[in-house]
Every structure is written in C-alpha cells, then in structure tokens.
Amino acid sequence: MKSYIPLKNDIDKKWRLVDADGWVLGRLATRIATLLMGKDKPSYTRFLDTGDHVVVINADKVRLTGKKATDKVYSHHTGYPGGLRQVSAGDLLARNPEKLVREAVIGMLPKGKLGHSMRKKLRIYRGSEHPHQGQKPSPVTL
C-alpha cells in the first residue's frame, strides 16, 4: 500500500479572510499559522506547501494579555556600532500593528524555504478594508 502524496496541481489554494478584532495575539497567530501551513486540510503533507492565502483585517484591534504591552520587547540590530534597536509590544501595536501580527505568525511557521513560501501568502491590514476583493476570500470563524 502506497502513501498518498498530493501533486502540485492537486493542491487547492483558497483565499481566507480572518478578522482579528478582539483576538488575543498568540491565539490568533496559531490559527493563522495553521491555515498557512494547510494543517486544516486532509491533504496536509509536512514537506509540501498545502496552505491557503490568508488576509488578516483589523490588526490594530488585537489584544495583548498581562504585562506584554510593556514587558515584551522586540529588538533588532542595524549592523552599526551601538545599533541595537528595541521597541515594546505596546508601542509596536500603536505604531505598526501589521508588523506585530506578522512577527507572531512567522515565529510559528517552519524555518527555511518552506516557511518562506508560506510567509508570502500572508497579507495583513490595519483596518477593515483590503484590496483582495477580486479573489473572493471566504471568512474564517476561528
């Protein structure tokens, strides 16, 4: 008996619409990562990109629990001496909520080529408007 492995033409990639209004950041990110990886499909194969395109709206209305708004810090280095840049999660939510949600979801995706292809299918928008009406994304109840 042979194992079923879907071919590239057999994988049905849909467009999904996720409303982040009122969701806790980590719980939202796990559900979005599941959709991007395709783990909700019966044809899921861990070494293939079987996931869907995901459009996230209302990213500015996501919630942070506990003291994460002040204590959780995102940092990066510019490459220059003294170039360590740090921003708290609360400040990032106020300035750039799309980046906050993106960082949370990308941390839950596989690393490497497969994760990079899944990462490209994620689109995040601050408000409720998005330019992907032509793809007719189906709303997802999380």
Protein backbone atom coordinates (compact mmCIF):
# COMPACT_ATOMS: atom_id res chain seq x y z
CA MET A 1 0.00 0.00 0.00
CA LYS A 2 1.42 3.36 -1.04
CA SER A 3 1.11 6.63 0.82
CA TYR A 4 -0.83 9.41 -0.89
CA ILE A 5 1.26 12.46 -1.70
CA PRO A 6 -0.61 15.31 -3.42
CA LEU A 7 0.84 16.71 -6.60
CA LYS A 8 1.33 20.43 -7.12
CA ASN A 9 -1.74 20.57 -9.41
CA ASP A 10 -3.90 18.72 -6.86
CA ILE A 11 -3.36 21.27 -4.09
CA ASP A 12 -6.34 23.62 -3.91
CA LYS A 13 -5.21 27.01 -2.56
CA LYS A 14 -8.09 29.15 -1.39
CA TRP A 15 -8.21 32.69 -0.04
CA ARG A 16 -9.25 33.05 3.60
CA LEU A 17 -10.31 36.22 5.44
CA VAL A 18 -9.55 36.46 9.16
CA ASP A 19 -10.95 39.25 11.34
CA ALA A 20 -8.54 39.92 14.23
CA ASP A 21 -10.96 42.14 16.15
CA GLY A 22 -10.78 41.27 19.87
CA TRP A 23 -8.49 38.24 19.49
CA VAL A 24 -5.51 37.64 21.76
CA LEU A 25 -2.34 37.89 19.66
CA GLY A 26 -0.89 34.43 20.34
CA ARG A 27 -4.15 32.55 19.85
CA LEU A 28 -4.80 34.41 16.61
CA ALA A 29 -1.27 33.68 15.37
CA THR A 30 -1.56 29.93 15.96
CA ARG A 31 -4.78 29.73 13.98
CA ILE A 32 -3.37 31.80 11.12
CA ALA A 33 -0.22 29.64 11.04
CA THR A 34 -2.41 26.53 10.84
CA LEU A 35 -4.21 27.96 7.80
CA LEU A 36 -0.94 28.98 6.12
CA MET A 37 0.58 25.51 6.64
CA GLY A 38 -2.58 23.72 5.50
CA LYS A 39 -2.93 21.64 8.65
CA ASP A 40 -6.71 22.05 8.50
CA LYS A 41 -6.87 20.09 5.22
CA PRO A 42 -6.96 16.31 4.82
CA SER A 43 -4.27 16.57 2.12
CA TYR A 44 -1.73 18.09 4.56
CA THR A 45 1.80 16.97 3.87
CA ARG A 46 4.51 18.35 6.09
CA PHE A 47 7.11 18.78 3.35
CA LEU A 48 4.75 20.50 0.85
CA ASP A 49 3.10 23.91 0.90
CA THR A 50 -0.57 22.89 1.02
CA GLY A 51 -1.80 26.01 2.84
CA ASP A 52 -4.12 28.81 1.78
CA HIS A 53 -3.65 32.54 1.25
CA VAL A 54 -4.69 34.42 4.40
CA VAL A 55 -5.88 38.03 4.57
CA VAL A 56 -5.98 39.47 8.10
CA ILE A 57 -8.04 42.60 8.73
CA ASN A 58 -8.41 44.78 11.86
CA ALA A 59 -4.87 44.05 13.03
CA ASP A 60 -4.98 47.19 15.17
CA LYS A 61 -7.74 45.67 17.34
CA VAL A 62 -5.73 42.66 18.50
CA ARG A 63 -5.26 42.28 22.28
CA LEU A 64 -2.18 41.71 24.41
CA THR A 65 -2.73 39.99 27.77
CA GLY A 66 -0.93 40.54 31.04
CA LYS A 67 2.03 42.90 31.04
CA LYS A 68 3.15 42.07 27.50
CA ALA A 69 2.41 45.61 26.31
CA THR A 70 5.23 46.94 28.49
CA ASP A 71 7.48 43.93 29.20
CA LYS A 72 7.68 42.18 25.81
CA VAL A 73 10.42 43.75 23.71
CA TYR A 74 11.15 43.30 20.00
CA SER A 75 14.76 44.06 19.11
CA HIS A 76 16.95 44.10 16.03
CA HIS A 77 20.43 45.34 15.24
CA THR A 78 21.19 47.72 12.39
CA GLY A 79 24.69 46.36 11.88
CA TYR A 80 26.40 49.53 13.02
CA PRO A 81 28.14 50.03 16.38
CA GLY A 82 25.54 50.89 19.00
CA GLY A 83 22.79 49.96 16.58
CA LEU A 84 20.61 47.84 18.88
CA ARG A 85 17.01 48.99 18.42
CA GLN A 86 14.28 47.90 20.83
CA VAL A 87 10.56 48.62 20.87
CA SER A 88 7.94 47.34 23.31
CA ALA A 89 4.96 45.35 22.08
CA GLY A 90 2.55 48.11 23.18
CA ASP A 91 4.42 50.74 21.15
CA LEU A 92 4.59 48.41 18.14
CA LEU A 93 0.84 47.79 18.41
CA ALA A 94 0.21 51.52 18.37
CA ARG A 95 2.64 52.35 15.54
CA ASN A 96 2.65 49.28 13.30
CA PRO A 97 0.15 46.55 14.28
CA GLU A 98 0.71 44.73 10.99
CA LYS A 99 4.33 44.06 11.96
CA LEU A 100 3.30 42.83 15.42
CA VAL A 101 0.90 40.24 13.97
CA ARG A 102 3.37 39.28 11.23
CA GLU A 103 6.17 38.63 13.75
CA ALA A 104 3.88 36.45 15.87
CA VAL A 105 2.73 34.35 12.88
CA ILE A 106 6.19 33.99 11.30
CA GLY A 107 7.56 32.68 14.59
CA MET A 108 5.08 29.80 14.38
CA LEU A 109 5.87 28.81 10.78
CA PRO A 110 8.60 26.36 9.76
CA LYS A 111 12.03 27.83 9.16
CA GLY A 112 13.68 27.52 5.73
CA LYS A 113 12.42 27.51 2.16
CA LEU A 114 9.04 26.04 3.01
CA GLY A 115 8.38 28.66 5.67
CA HIS A 116 9.38 31.43 3.28
CA SER A 117 6.84 30.27 0.71
CA MET A 118 4.14 30.15 3.41
CA ARG A 119 5.14 33.59 4.67
CA LYS A 120 4.49 35.12 1.24
CA LYS A 121 0.83 34.09 1.40
CA LEU A 122 0.12 36.23 4.48
CA ARG A 123 -1.41 39.69 3.99
CA ILE A 124 -2.17 41.89 7.00
CA TYR A 125 -4.13 45.16 7.07
CA ARG A 126 -4.72 47.64 9.88
CA GLY A 127 -8.37 48.43 9.14
CA SER A 128 -11.28 46.50 7.70
CA GLU A 129 -10.53 47.43 4.06
CA HIS A 130 -8.29 45.27 1.86
CA PRO A 131 -7.51 45.18 -1.88
CA HIS A 132 -8.20 41.45 -2.33
CA GLN A 133 -11.94 41.55 -3.06
CA GLY A 134 -11.30 40.11 -6.54
CA GLN A 135 -10.03 36.84 -5.02
CA LYS A 136 -13.31 36.47 -3.06
CA PRO A 137 -11.76 35.41 0.28
CA SER A 138 -14.04 33.26 2.39
CA PRO A 139 -14.44 34.44 6.02
CA VAL A 140 -12.98 32.11 8.63
CA THR A 141 -14.54 31.65 12.06
CA LEU A 142 -11.68 30.91 14.40
